[in-house]
Amino acid sequence: MDARLSDHTGPFFFLQFTQMVIAQFKLLLELTRPHLLKWSHRKPLSSEEKLAMILKYLAQGGSPQSVAWEFCVGKSTFSEVLVEVCTVL
């Protein structure tokens, strides 16, 4: 699991963050991963990061800008990822 997701420690934090247990997240990740992979010269966001970012946004609301800041991405990147992940889901 990505360091940004596991740094805060434990399944309770993960449940609060995404509104799903880790096992559910892993299953959803396996189903969506092939559709979320991108190739770039820059280090792309992992499928795991994309899915977690959007699940956090959908579960907790808030502004797209605040979620983008939490994941260290730009607002336009967040918007692209939102469309991409929601289309796959």
PDB file of N, CA and C in Angstrom:
ATOM      1  N   MET A   1       0.837  -1.169   0.000  1.00  0.00           N
ATOM      2  CA  MET A   1       0.000   0.000   0.000  1.00  0.00           C
ATOM      3  C   MET A   1       0.888   1.240   0.000  1.00  0.00           C
ATOM      4  N   ASP A   2       0.431   2.281  -0.637  1.00  0.00           N
ATOM      5  CA  ASP A   2       1.186   3.519  -0.766  1.00  0.00           C
ATOM      6  C   ASP A   2       1.471   4.112   0.612  1.00  0.00           C
ATOM      7  N   ALA A   3       2.665   4.685   0.766  1.00  0.00           N
ATOM      8  CA  ALA A   3       3.088   5.252   2.049  1.00  0.00           C
ATOM      9  C   ALA A   3       2.135   6.330   2.525  1.00  0.00           C
ATOM     10  N   ARG A   4       1.590   7.116   1.604  1.00  0.00           N
ATOM     11  CA  ARG A   4       0.675   8.192   2.022  1.00  0.00           C
ATOM     12  C   ARG A   4      -0.574   7.644   2.679  1.00  0.00           C
ATOM     13  N   LEU A   5      -0.941   6.424   2.335  1.00  0.00           N
ATOM     14  CA  LEU A   5      -2.138   5.830   2.912  1.00  0.00           C
ATOM     15  C   LEU A   5      -1.835   5.083   4.196  1.00  0.00           C
ATOM     16  N   SER A   6      -0.649   4.517   4.315  1.00  0.00           N
ATOM     17  CA  SER A   6      -0.348   3.693   5.482  1.00  0.00           C
ATOM     18  C   SER A   6       0.380   4.455   6.583  1.00  0.00           C
ATOM     19  N   ASP A   7       0.883   5.657   6.292  1.00  0.00           N
ATOM     20  CA  ASP A   7       1.616   6.433   7.285  1.00  0.00           C
ATOM     21  C   ASP A   7       0.790   6.736   8.530  1.00  0.00           C
ATOM     22  N   HIS A   8      -0.496   6.951   8.340  1.00  0.00           N
ATOM     23  CA  HIS A   8      -1.321   7.386   9.454  1.00  0.00           C
ATOM     24  C   HIS A   8      -1.735   6.239  10.357  1.00  0.00           C
ATOM     25  N   THR A   9      -1.413   5.034   9.954  1.00  0.00           N
ATOM     26  CA  THR A   9      -1.493   3.820  10.737  1.00  0.00           C
ATOM     27  C   THR A   9      -2.898   3.274  10.989  1.00  0.00           C
ATOM     28  N   GLY A  10      -3.015   2.036  10.693  1.00  0.00           N
ATOM     29  CA  GLY A  10      -4.127   1.229  11.108  1.00  0.00           C
ATOM     30  C   GLY A  10      -5.387   1.250  10.279  1.00  0.00           C
ATOM     31  N   PRO A  11      -6.138   0.160  10.431  1.00  0.00           N
ATOM     32  CA  PRO A  11      -7.382   0.008   9.689  1.00  0.00           C
ATOM     33  C   PRO A  11      -8.445   1.030  10.087  1.00  0.00           C
ATOM     34  N   PHE A  12      -8.435   1.494  11.346  1.00  0.00           N
ATOM     35  CA  PHE A  12      -9.446   2.474  11.746  1.00  0.00           C
ATOM     36  C   PHE A  12      -9.259   3.776  10.991  1.00  0.00           C
ATOM     37  N   PHE A  13      -8.000   4.238  10.868  1.00  0.00           N
ATOM     38  CA  PHE A  13      -7.738   5.454  10.101  1.00  0.00           C
ATOM     39  C   PHE A  13      -8.171   5.253   8.658  1.00  0.00           C
ATOM     40  N   PHE A  14      -7.848   4.094   8.078  1.00  0.00           N
ATOM     41  CA  PHE A  14      -8.197   3.826   6.686  1.00  0.00           C
ATOM     42  C   PHE A  14      -9.706   3.852   6.494  1.00  0.00           C
ATOM     43  N   LEU A  15     -10.454   3.266   7.415  1.00  0.00           N
ATOM     44  CA  LEU A  15     -11.917   3.273   7.353  1.00  0.00           C
ATOM     45  C   LEU A  15     -12.443   4.702   7.415  1.00  0.00           C
ATOM     46  N   GLN A  16     -11.900   5.500   8.309  1.00  0.00           N
ATOM     47  CA  GLN A  16     -12.318   6.899   8.421  1.00  0.00           C
ATOM     48  C   GLN A  16     -11.984   7.669   7.146  1.00  0.00           C
ATOM     49  N   PHE A  17     -10.863   7.354   6.545  1.00  0.00           N
ATOM     50  CA  PHE A  17     -10.363   8.074   5.379  1.00  0.00           C
ATOM     51  C   PHE A  17     -11.166   7.750   4.126  1.00  0.00           C
ATOM     52  N   THR A  18     -11.486   6.472   3.901  1.00  0.00           N
ATOM     53  CA  THR A  18     -12.122   6.048   2.649  1.00  0.00           C
ATOM     54  C   THR A  18     -13.540   5.522   2.815  1.00  0.00           C
ATOM     55  N   GLN A  19     -13.983   5.326   4.036  1.00  0.00           N
ATOM     56  CA  GLN A  19     -15.294   4.748   4.332  1.00  0.00           C
ATOM     57  C   GLN A  19     -15.412   3.310   3.830  1.00  0.00           C
ATOM     58  N   MET A  20     -14.288   2.604   3.772  1.00  0.00           N
ATOM     59  CA  MET A  20     -14.316   1.181   3.456  1.00  0.00           C
ATOM     60  C   MET A  20     -13.137   0.503   4.136  1.00  0.00           C
ATOM     61  N   VAL A  21     -13.292  -0.790   4.388  1.00  0.00           N
ATOM     62  CA  VAL A  21     -12.212  -1.536   5.016  1.00  0.00           C
ATOM     63  C   VAL A  21     -11.136  -1.833   3.971  1.00  0.00           C
ATOM     64  N   ILE A  22      -9.931  -2.144   4.437  1.00  0.00           N
ATOM     65  CA  ILE A  22      -8.794  -2.359   3.546  1.00  0.00           C
ATOM     66  C   ILE A  22      -9.064  -3.483   2.551  1.00  0.00           C
ATOM     67  N   ALA A  23      -9.709  -4.554   2.991  1.00  0.00           N
ATOM     68  CA  ALA A  23      -9.990  -5.679   2.084  1.00  0.00           C
ATOM     69  C   ALA A  23     -10.897  -5.240   0.932  1.00  0.00           C
ATOM     70  N   GLN A  24     -11.893  -4.418   1.220  1.00  0.00           N
ATOM     71  CA  GLN A  24     -12.774  -3.912   0.166  1.00  0.00           C
ATOM     72  C   GLN A  24     -11.994  -3.022  -0.804  1.00  0.00           C
ATOM     73  N   PHE A  25     -11.115  -2.181  -0.257  1.00  0.00           N
ATOM     74  CA  PHE A  25     -10.308  -1.299  -1.090  1.00  0.00           C
ATOM     75  C   PHE A  25      -9.425  -2.120  -2.027  1.00  0.00           C
ATOM     76  N   LYS A  26      -8.785  -3.151  -1.494  1.00  0.00           N
ATOM     77  CA  LYS A  26      -7.900  -3.978  -2.313  1.00  0.00           C
ATOM     78  C   LYS A  26      -8.670  -4.677  -3.436  1.00  0.00           C
ATOM     79  N   LEU A  27      -9.877  -5.151  -3.144  1.00  0.00           N
ATOM     80  CA  LEU A  27     -10.699  -5.785  -4.169  1.00  0.00           C
ATOM     81  C   LEU A  27     -11.082  -4.767  -5.247  1.00  0.00           C
ATOM     82  N   LEU A  28     -11.532  -3.595  -4.829  1.00  0.00           N
ATOM     83  CA  LEU A  28     -11.893  -2.548  -5.778  1.00  0.00           C
ATOM     84  C   LEU A  28     -10.682  -2.114  -6.596  1.00  0.00           C
ATOM     85  N   LEU A  29      -9.531  -2.040  -5.957  1.00  0.00           N
ATOM     86  CA  LEU A  29      -8.297  -1.672  -6.657  1.00  0.00           C
ATOM     87  C   LEU A  29      -7.962  -2.700  -7.743  1.00  0.00           C
ATOM     88  N   GLU A  30      -8.072  -3.967  -7.432  1.00  0.00           N
ATOM     89  CA  GLU A  30      -7.772  -5.005  -8.426  1.00  0.00           C
ATOM     90  C   GLU A  30      -8.720  -4.933  -9.616  1.00  0.00           C
ATOM     91  N   LEU A  31      -9.970  -4.578  -9.366  1.00  0.00           N
ATOM     92  CA  LEU A  31     -10.940  -4.474 -10.454  1.00  0.00           C
ATOM     93  C   LEU A  31     -10.710  -3.239 -11.329  1.00  0.00           C
ATOM     94  N   THR A  32     -10.186  -2.177 -10.737  1.00  0.00           N
ATOM     95  CA  THR A  32     -10.036  -0.910 -11.468  1.00  0.00           C
ATOM     96  C   THR A  32      -8.621  -0.651 -11.963  1.00  0.00           C
ATOM     97  N   ARG A  33      -7.626  -1.304 -11.385  1.00  0.00           N
ATOM     98  CA  ARG A  33      -6.215  -1.022 -11.707  1.00  0.00           C
ATOM     99  C   ARG A  33      -5.917  -1.003 -13.212  1.00  0.00           C
ATOM    100  N   PRO A  34      -6.354  -1.982 -14.002  1.00  0.00           N
ATOM    101  CA  PRO A  34      -6.004  -1.968 -15.428  1.00  0.00           C
ATOM    102  C   PRO A  34      -6.505  -0.716 -16.153  1.00  0.00           C
ATOM    103  N   HIS A  35      -7.575  -0.146 -15.660  1.00  0.00           N
ATOM    104  CA  HIS A  35      -8.172   1.030 -16.306  1.00  0.00           C
ATOM    105  C   HIS A  35      -7.565   2.344 -15.825  1.00  0.00           C
ATOM    106  N   LEU A  36      -6.818   2.294 -14.734  1.00  0.00           N
ATOM    107  CA  LEU A  36      -6.282   3.518 -14.139  1.00  0.00           C
ATOM    108  C   LEU A  36      -4.788   3.700 -14.371  1.00  0.00           C
ATOM    109  N   LEU A  37      -4.144   2.747 -15.030  1.00  0.00           N
ATOM    110  CA  LEU A  37      -2.703   2.855 -15.281  1.00  0.00           C
ATOM    111  C   LEU A  37      -2.432   3.835 -16.415  1.00  0.00           C
ATOM    112  N   LYS A  38      -1.394   4.640 -16.260  1.00  0.00           N
ATOM    113  CA  LYS A  38      -0.974   5.605 -17.282  1.00  0.00           C
ATOM    114  C   LYS A  38       0.533   5.512 -17.451  1.00  0.00           C
ATOM    115  N   TRP A  39       0.999   5.896 -18.613  1.00  0.00           N
ATOM    116  CA  TRP A  39       2.435   5.932 -18.881  1.00  0.00           C
ATOM    117  C   TRP A  39       2.827   7.374 -19.148  1.00  0.00           C
ATOM    118  N   SER A  40       3.929   7.800 -18.536  1.00  0.00           N
ATOM    119  CA  SER A  40       4.377   9.174 -18.655  1.00  0.00           C
ATOM    120  C   SER A  40       5.877   9.242 -18.382  1.00  0.00           C
ATOM    121  N   HIS A  41       6.489  10.346 -18.804  1.00  0.00           N
ATOM    122  CA  HIS A  41       7.904  10.567 -18.469  1.00  0.00           C
ATOM    123  C   HIS A  41       8.053  10.954 -17.006  1.00  0.00           C
ATOM    124  N   ARG A  42       7.037  11.614 -16.480  1.00  0.00           N
ATOM    125  CA  ARG A  42       7.024  11.927 -15.044  1.00  0.00           C
ATOM    126  C   ARG A  42       6.508  10.720 -14.281  1.00  0.00           C
ATOM    127  N   LYS A  43       6.774  10.702 -12.988  1.00  0.00           N
ATOM    128  CA  LYS A  43       6.258   9.600 -12.166  1.00  0.00           C
ATOM    129  C   LYS A  43       4.734   9.751 -12.072  1.00  0.00           C
ATOM    130  N   PRO A  44       3.994   8.822 -12.660  1.00  0.00           N
ATOM    131  CA  PRO A  44       2.530   8.936 -12.644  1.00  0.00           C
ATOM    132  C   PRO A  44       1.961   8.574 -11.279  1.00  0.00           C
ATOM    133  N   LEU A  45       0.770   9.043 -11.026  1.00  0.00           N
ATOM    134  CA  LEU A  45       0.062   8.619  -9.821  1.00  0.00           C
ATOM    135  C   LEU A  45      -0.258   7.145  -9.963  1.00  0.00           C
ATOM    136  N   SER A  46      -0.117   6.411  -8.896  1.00  0.00           N
ATOM    137  CA  SER A  46      -0.450   4.986  -8.944  1.00  0.00           C
ATOM    138  C   SER A  46      -1.969   4.826  -8.958  1.00  0.00           C
ATOM    139  N   SER A  47      -2.406   3.672  -9.404  1.00  0.00           N
ATOM    140  CA  SER A  47      -3.839   3.364  -9.377  1.00  0.00           C
ATOM    141  C   SER A  47      -4.365   3.455  -7.950  1.00  0.00           C
ATOM    142  N   GLU A  48      -3.553   3.020  -7.015  1.00  0.00           N
ATOM    143  CA  GLU A  48      -3.897   3.052  -5.595  1.00  0.00           C
ATOM    144  C   GLU A  48      -4.138   4.490  -5.126  1.00  0.00           C
ATOM    145  N   GLU A  49      -3.235   5.394  -5.505  1.00  0.00           N
ATOM    146  CA  GLU A  49      -3.384   6.803  -5.123  1.00  0.00           C
ATOM    147  C   GLU A  49      -4.628   7.407  -5.755  1.00  0.00           C
ATOM    148  N   LYS A  50      -4.847   7.116  -7.027  1.00  0.00           N
ATOM    149  CA  LYS A  50      -6.023   7.667  -7.710  1.00  0.00           C
ATOM    150  C   LYS A  50      -7.311   7.215  -7.037  1.00  0.00           C
ATOM    151  N   LEU A  51      -7.414   5.919  -6.794  1.00  0.00           N
ATOM    152  CA  LEU A  51      -8.631   5.375  -6.184  1.00  0.00           C
ATOM    153  C   LEU A  51      -8.828   5.932  -4.782  1.00  0.00           C
ATOM    154  N   ALA A  52      -7.783   5.968  -3.983  1.00  0.00           N
ATOM    155  CA  ALA A  52      -7.892   6.479  -2.609  1.00  0.00           C
ATOM    156  C   ALA A  52      -8.282   7.951  -2.608  1.00  0.00           C
ATOM    157  N   MET A  53      -7.701   8.741  -3.514  1.00  0.00           N
ATOM    158  CA  MET A  53      -8.000  10.168  -3.588  1.00  0.00           C
ATOM    159  C   MET A  53      -9.490  10.394  -3.857  1.00  0.00           C
ATOM    160  N   ILE A  54     -10.029   9.660  -4.805  1.00  0.00           N
ATOM    161  CA  ILE A  54     -11.424   9.863  -5.182  1.00  0.00           C
ATOM    162  C   ILE A  54     -12.372   9.284  -4.132  1.00  0.00           C
ATOM    163  N   LEU A  55     -12.025   8.135  -3.551  1.00  0.00           N
ATOM    164  CA  LEU A  55     -12.870   7.589  -2.486  1.00  0.00           C
ATOM    165  C   LEU A  55     -12.910   8.535  -1.293  1.00  0.00           C
ATOM    166  N   LYS A  56     -11.788   9.139  -0.971  1.00  0.00           N
ATOM    167  CA  LYS A  56     -11.752  10.108   0.126  1.00  0.00           C
ATOM    168  C   LYS A  56     -12.653  11.293  -0.193  1.00  0.00           C
ATOM    169  N   TYR A  57     -12.558  11.789  -1.411  1.00  0.00           N
ATOM    170  CA  TYR A  57     -13.385  12.923  -1.833  1.00  0.00           C
ATOM    171  C   TYR A  57     -14.875  12.562  -1.793  1.00  0.00           C
ATOM    172  N   LEU A  58     -15.231  11.397  -2.315  1.00  0.00           N
ATOM    173  CA  LEU A  58     -16.631  10.987  -2.339  1.00  0.00           C
ATOM    174  C   LEU A  58     -17.165  10.683  -0.940  1.00  0.00           C
ATOM    175  N   ALA A  59     -16.327  10.122  -0.081  1.00  0.00           N
ATOM    176  CA  ALA A  59     -16.763   9.735   1.263  1.00  0.00           C
ATOM    177  C   ALA A  59     -16.878  10.924   2.202  1.00  0.00           C
ATOM    178  N   GLN A  60     -15.958  11.890   2.076  1.00  0.00           N
ATOM    179  CA  GLN A  60     -15.911  12.979   3.043  1.00  0.00           C
ATOM    180  C   GLN A  60     -16.329  14.324   2.483  1.00  0.00           C
ATOM    181  N   GLY A  61     -16.432  14.430   1.171  1.00  0.00           N
ATOM    182  CA  GLY A  61     -16.786  15.717   0.583  1.00  0.00           C
ATOM    183  C   GLY A  61     -15.622  16.682   0.673  1.00  0.00           C
ATOM    184  N   GLY A  62     -15.920  17.932   0.907  1.00  0.00           N
ATOM    185  CA  GLY A  62     -14.872  18.936   0.940  1.00  0.00           C
ATOM    186  C   GLY A  62     -14.630  19.477  -0.452  1.00  0.00           C
ATOM    187  N   SER A  63     -13.659  20.334  -0.556  1.00  0.00           N
ATOM    188  CA  SER A  63     -13.376  20.937  -1.860  1.00  0.00           C
ATOM    189  C   SER A  63     -12.367  20.098  -2.622  1.00  0.00           C
ATOM    190  N   PRO A  64     -12.456  20.106  -3.943  1.00  0.00           N
ATOM    191  CA  PRO A  64     -11.452  19.406  -4.743  1.00  0.00           C
ATOM    192  C   PRO A  64     -10.041  19.924  -4.447  1.00  0.00           C
ATOM    193  N   GLN A  65      -9.924  21.227  -4.201  1.00  0.00           N
ATOM    194  CA  GLN A  65      -8.611  21.811  -3.919  1.00  0.00           C
ATOM    195  C   GLN A  65      -8.006  21.228  -2.645  1.00  0.00           C
ATOM    196  N   SER A  66      -8.809  21.044  -1.609  1.00  0.00           N
ATOM    197  CA  SER A  66      -8.263  20.516  -0.347  1.00  0.00           C
ATOM    198  C   SER A  66      -7.800  19.073  -0.511  1.00  0.00           C
ATOM    199  N   VAL A  67      -8.546  18.272  -1.269  1.00  0.00           N
ATOM    200  CA  VAL A  67      -8.131  16.893  -1.499  1.00  0.00           C
ATOM    201  C   VAL A  67      -6.870  16.871  -2.367  1.00  0.00           C
ATOM    202  N   ALA A  68      -6.816  17.743  -3.367  1.00  0.00           N
ATOM    203  CA  ALA A  68      -5.621  17.829  -4.220  1.00  0.00           C
ATOM    204  C   ALA A  68      -4.399  18.162  -3.369  1.00  0.00           C
ATOM    205  N   TRP A  69      -4.537  19.090  -2.443  1.00  0.00           N
ATOM    206  CA  TRP A  69      -3.412  19.454  -1.569  1.00  0.00           C
ATOM    207  C   TRP A  69      -2.978  18.271  -0.713  1.00  0.00           C
ATOM    208  N   GLU A  70      -3.952  17.539  -0.172  1.00  0.00           N
ATOM    209  CA  GLU A  70      -3.622  16.385   0.668  1.00  0.00           C
ATOM    210  C   GLU A  70      -2.806  15.343  -0.090  1.00  0.00           C
ATOM    211  N   PHE A  71      -3.079  15.207  -1.379  1.00  0.00           N
ATOM    212  CA  PHE A  71      -2.389  14.209  -2.188  1.00  0.00           C
ATOM    213  C   PHE A  71      -1.254  14.803  -3.014  1.00  0.00           C
ATOM    214  N   CYS A  72      -0.957  16.070  -2.762  1.00  0.00           N
ATOM    215  CA  CYS A  72       0.163  16.758  -3.437  1.00  0.00           C
ATOM    216  C   CYS A  72       0.040  16.733  -4.957  1.00  0.00           C
ATOM    217  N   VAL A  73      -1.171  16.993  -5.437  1.00  0.00           N
ATOM    218  CA  VAL A  73      -1.400  17.110  -6.873  1.00  0.00           C
ATOM    219  C   VAL A  73      -2.097  18.434  -7.152  1.00  0.00           C
ATOM    220  N   GLY A  74      -2.039  18.855  -8.388  1.00  0.00           N
ATOM    221  CA  GLY A  74      -2.716  20.077  -8.788  1.00  0.00           C
ATOM    222  C   GLY A  74      -4.217  19.877  -8.909  1.00  0.00           C
ATOM    223  N   LYS A  75      -4.935  20.985  -8.888  1.00  0.00           N
ATOM    224  CA  LYS A  75      -6.393  20.933  -8.984  1.00  0.00           C
ATOM    225  C   LYS A  75      -6.828  20.325 -10.324  1.00  0.00           C
ATOM    226  N   SER A  76      -6.123  20.672 -11.406  1.00  0.00           N
ATOM    227  CA  SER A  76      -6.493  20.117 -12.711  1.00  0.00           C
ATOM    228  C   SER A  76      -6.215  18.610 -12.762  1.00  0.00           C
ATOM    229  N   THR A  77      -5.136  18.173 -12.119  1.00  0.00           N
ATOM    230  CA  THR A  77      -4.845  16.736 -12.052  1.00  0.00           C
ATOM    231  C   THR A  77      -5.940  16.027 -11.279  1.00  0.00           C
ATOM    232  N   PHE A  78      -6.345  16.623 -10.157  1.00  0.00           N
ATOM    233  CA  PHE A  78      -7.427  16.036  -9.370  1.00  0.00           C
ATOM    234  C   PHE A  78      -8.690  15.900 -10.232  1.00  0.00           C
ATOM    235  N   SER A  79      -9.023  16.936 -10.978  1.00  0.00           N
ATOM    236  CA  SER A  79     -10.230  16.910 -11.814  1.00  0.00           C
ATOM    237  C   SER A  79     -10.155  15.806 -12.867  1.00  0.00           C
ATOM    238  N   GLU A  80      -8.995  15.643 -13.486  1.00  0.00           N
ATOM    239  CA  GLU A  80      -8.816  14.580 -14.480  1.00  0.00           C
ATOM    240  C   GLU A  80      -8.962  13.204 -13.838  1.00  0.00           C
ATOM    241  N   VAL A  81      -8.373  13.035 -12.664  1.00  0.00           N
ATOM    242  CA  VAL A  81      -8.440  11.759 -11.961  1.00  0.00           C
ATOM    243  C   VAL A  81      -9.882  11.477 -11.522  1.00  0.00           C
ATOM    244  N   LEU A  82     -10.603  12.493 -11.098  1.00  0.00           N
ATOM    245  CA  LEU A  82     -11.996  12.324 -10.698  1.00  0.00           C
ATOM    246  C   LEU A  82     -12.827  11.765 -11.849  1.00  0.00           C
ATOM    247  N   VAL A  83     -12.699  12.356 -13.013  1.00  0.00           N
ATOM    248  CA  VAL A  83     -13.434  11.877 -14.184  1.00  0.00           C
ATOM    249  C   VAL A  83     -12.992  10.459 -14.544  1.00  0.00           C
ATOM    250  N   GLU A  84     -11.680  10.222 -14.541  1.00  0.00           N
ATOM    251  CA  GLU A  84     -11.150   8.911 -14.911  1.00  0.00           C
ATOM    252  C   GLU A  84     -11.667   7.809 -13.986  1.00  0.00           C
ATOM    253  N   VAL A  85     -11.560   8.030 -12.672  1.00  0.00           N
ATOM    254  CA  VAL A  85     -11.952   6.995 -11.711  1.00  0.00           C
ATOM    255  C   VAL A  85     -13.472   6.802 -11.721  1.00  0.00           C
ATOM    256  N   CYS A  86     -14.223   7.877 -11.766  1.00  0.00           N
ATOM    257  CA  CYS A  86     -15.691   7.740 -11.769  1.00  0.00           C
ATOM    258  C   CYS A  86     -16.180   7.043 -13.038  1.00  0.00           C
ATOM    259  N   THR A  87     -15.507   7.275 -14.153  1.00  0.00           N
ATOM    260  CA  THR A  87     -15.860   6.590 -15.396  1.00  0.00           C
ATOM    261  C   THR A  87     -15.619   5.082 -15.257  1.00  0.00           C
ATOM    262  N   VAL A  88     -14.494   4.726 -14.647  1.00  0.00           N
ATOM    263  CA  VAL A  88     -14.166   3.307 -14.455  1.00  0.00           C
ATOM    264  C   VAL A  88     -15.132   2.668 -13.488  1.00  0.00           C
ATOM    265  N   LEU A  89     -15.473   3.372 -12.413  1.00  0.00           N
ATOM    266  CA  LEU A  89     -16.394   2.800 -11.427  1.00  0.00           C
ATOM    267  C   LEU A  89     -17.780   2.659 -12.016  1.00  0.00           C
TER     268      LEU A  89
END
